[in-house]
C-alpha atoms as a PDB file:
ATOM      1  CA  MET A   1     128.679  87.822  98.322  1.00  0.00           C
ATOM      2  CA  HIS A   2     131.414  90.417  98.707  1.00  0.00           C
ATOM      3  CA  ASP A   3     132.398  92.434  95.637  1.00  0.00           C
ATOM      4  CA  LEU A   4     136.173  92.745  95.259  1.00  0.00           C
ATOM      5  CA  LEU A   5     135.904  95.912  93.156  1.00  0.00           C
ATOM      6  CA  ASN A   6     133.882  98.104  95.478  1.00  0.00           C
ATOM      7  CA  ALA A   7     133.466  96.149  98.747  1.00  0.00           C
ATOM      8  CA  GLN A   8     129.684  96.081  98.247  1.00  0.00           C
ATOM      9  CA  LEU A   9     127.672  93.154  99.561  1.00  0.00           C
ATOM     10  CA  TRP A  10     125.401  91.462  96.980  1.00  0.00           C
ATOM     11  CA  THR A  11     122.655  88.910  97.607  1.00  0.00           C
ATOM     12  CA  PHE A  12     122.004  86.386  94.859  1.00  0.00           C
ATOM     13  CA  LYS A  13     119.806  83.318  94.792  1.00  0.00           C
ATOM     14  CA  TYR A  14     121.276  80.059  93.490  1.00  0.00           C
ATOM     15  CA  ARG A  15     118.774  77.461  92.295  1.00  0.00           C
ATOM     16  CA  TYR A  16     118.864  74.191  90.411  1.00  0.00           C
ATOM     17  CA  TRP A  17     116.347  71.576  89.367  1.00  0.00           C
ATOM     18  CA  PRO A  18     116.307  68.311  87.391  1.00  0.00           C
ATOM     19  CA  ASN A  19     115.846  68.635  83.644  1.00  0.00           C
ATOM     20  CA  ASN A  20     115.597  65.337  81.769  1.00  0.00           C
ATOM     21  CA  LYS A  21     118.883  63.569  82.631  1.00  0.00           C
ATOM     22  CA  SER A  22     120.751  66.690  83.747  1.00  0.00           C
ATOM     23  CA  ARG A  23     120.204  69.732  85.956  1.00  0.00           C
ATOM     24  CA  MET A  24     119.456  73.364  85.230  1.00  0.00           C
ATOM     25  CA  TYR A  25     121.439  75.911  87.270  1.00  0.00           C
ATOM     26  CA  VAL A  26     120.399  79.547  87.710  1.00  0.00           C
ATOM     27  CA  LEU A  27     121.937  82.457  89.600  1.00  0.00           C
ATOM     28  CA  GLU A  28     119.109  84.953  90.200  1.00  0.00           C
ATOM     29  CA  ASN A  29     118.979  88.616  91.267  1.00  0.00           C
ATOM     30  CA  THR A  30     122.108  89.520  89.304  1.00  0.00           C
ATOM     31  CA  GLY A  31     120.605  92.407  87.303  1.00  0.00           C
ATOM     32  CA  ASP A  32     121.800  95.203  89.601  1.00  0.00           C
ATOM     33  CA  TYR A  33     125.296  93.705  89.705  1.00  0.00           C
ATOM     34  CA  VAL A  34     125.405  93.491  85.897  1.00  0.00           C
ATOM     35  CA  ARG A  35     124.217  97.099  85.509  1.00  0.00           C
ATOM     36  CA  THR A  36     126.543  98.454  88.229  1.00  0.00           C
ATOM     37  CA  HIS A  37     129.592  96.933  86.523  1.00  0.00           C
ATOM     38  CA  ASN A  38     128.324  97.563  82.976  1.00  0.00           C
ATOM     39  CA  LEU A  39     128.783  93.914  82.020  1.00  0.00           C
ATOM     40  CA  ARG A  40     128.224  92.882  78.417  1.00  0.00           C
ATOM     41  CA  VAL A  41     128.002  89.648  76.440  1.00  0.00           C
ATOM     42  CA  GLY A  42     131.308  87.802  76.789  1.00  0.00           C
ATOM     43  CA  ASP A  43     132.042  89.112  80.285  1.00  0.00           C
ATOM     44  CA  PHE A  44     131.886  86.728  83.203  1.00  0.00           C
ATOM     45  CA  ILE A  45     131.863  86.758  86.956  1.00  0.00           C
ATOM     46  CA  MET A  46     133.873  84.491  89.216  1.00  0.00           C
ATOM     47  CA  ILE A  47     132.473  83.354  92.537  1.00  0.00           C
ATOM     48  CA  TYR A  48     134.658  81.632  95.073  1.00  0.00           C
ATOM     49  CA  LYS A  49     134.756  80.958  98.776  1.00  0.00           C
ATOM     50  CA  ASP A  50     137.343  82.767 100.873  1.00  0.00           C
ATOM     51  CA  ASP A  51     137.935  80.178 103.577  1.00  0.00           C
ATOM     52  CA  ASP A  52     140.116  82.528 105.632  1.00  0.00           C
ATOM     53  CA  LYS A  53     137.259  85.025 106.058  1.00  0.00           C
ATOM     54  CA  ASN A  54     134.433  82.468 105.700  1.00  0.00           C
ATOM     55  CA  ARG A  55     132.644  84.365 102.932  1.00  0.00           C
ATOM     56  CA  PHE A  56     131.855  84.163  99.238  1.00  0.00           C
ATOM     57  CA  VAL A  57     133.614  86.640  96.960  1.00  0.00           C
ATOM     58  CA  LEU A  58     132.729  88.039  93.531  1.00  0.00           C
ATOM     59  CA  ASN A  59     135.169  89.194  90.899  1.00  0.00           C
ATOM     60  CA  LEU A  60     134.503  89.999  87.277  1.00  0.00           C
ATOM     61  CA  SER A  61     136.384  89.802  84.040  1.00  0.00           C
ATOM     62  CA  SER A  62     135.586  91.855  81.009  1.00  0.00           C
ATOM     63  CA  TRP A  63     136.356  90.453  77.578  1.00  0.00           C
ATOM     64  CA  LEU A  64     138.070  93.765  76.765  1.00  0.00           C
ATOM     65  CA  LEU A  65     140.212  93.589  79.896  1.00  0.00           C
ATOM     66  CA  SER A  66     141.154  90.011  79.019  1.00  0.00           C
ATOM     67  CA  ILE A  67     142.250  91.050  75.512  1.00  0.00           C
ATOM     68  CA  LEU A  68     144.328  93.933  76.909  1.00  0.00           C
ATOM     69  CA  VAL A  69     146.069  91.590  79.345  1.00  0.00           C
ATOM     70  CA  ILE A  70     146.858  89.122  76.540  1.00  0.00           C
ATOM     71  CA  LEU A  71     148.215  91.910  74.324  1.00  0.00           C
ATOM     72  CA  ALA A  72     150.352  93.306  77.144  1.00  0.00           C
ATOM     73  CA  ARG A  73     151.850  89.870  77.828  1.00  0.00           C
ATOM     74  CA  SER A  74     152.657  89.287  74.153  1.00  0.00           C
ATOM     75  CA  ARG A  75     154.911  92.371  73.948  1.00  0.00           C
END
């Protein structure tokens, strides 16, 4: 997956398996990405497919950044 912030290429492993009447989903090998971007509880990453370039792309959102954007819009 291509990182929008620093153009780095990351390799994650996506797995799922049945669990009772639902499924468990796991995205593995994310530790280096989390440490590189200093992610904390409440932050999230967005993964989407860029059909024009036929690749998957990563972007992140920090809870602090989200609050700053909301405050800026409210002024």
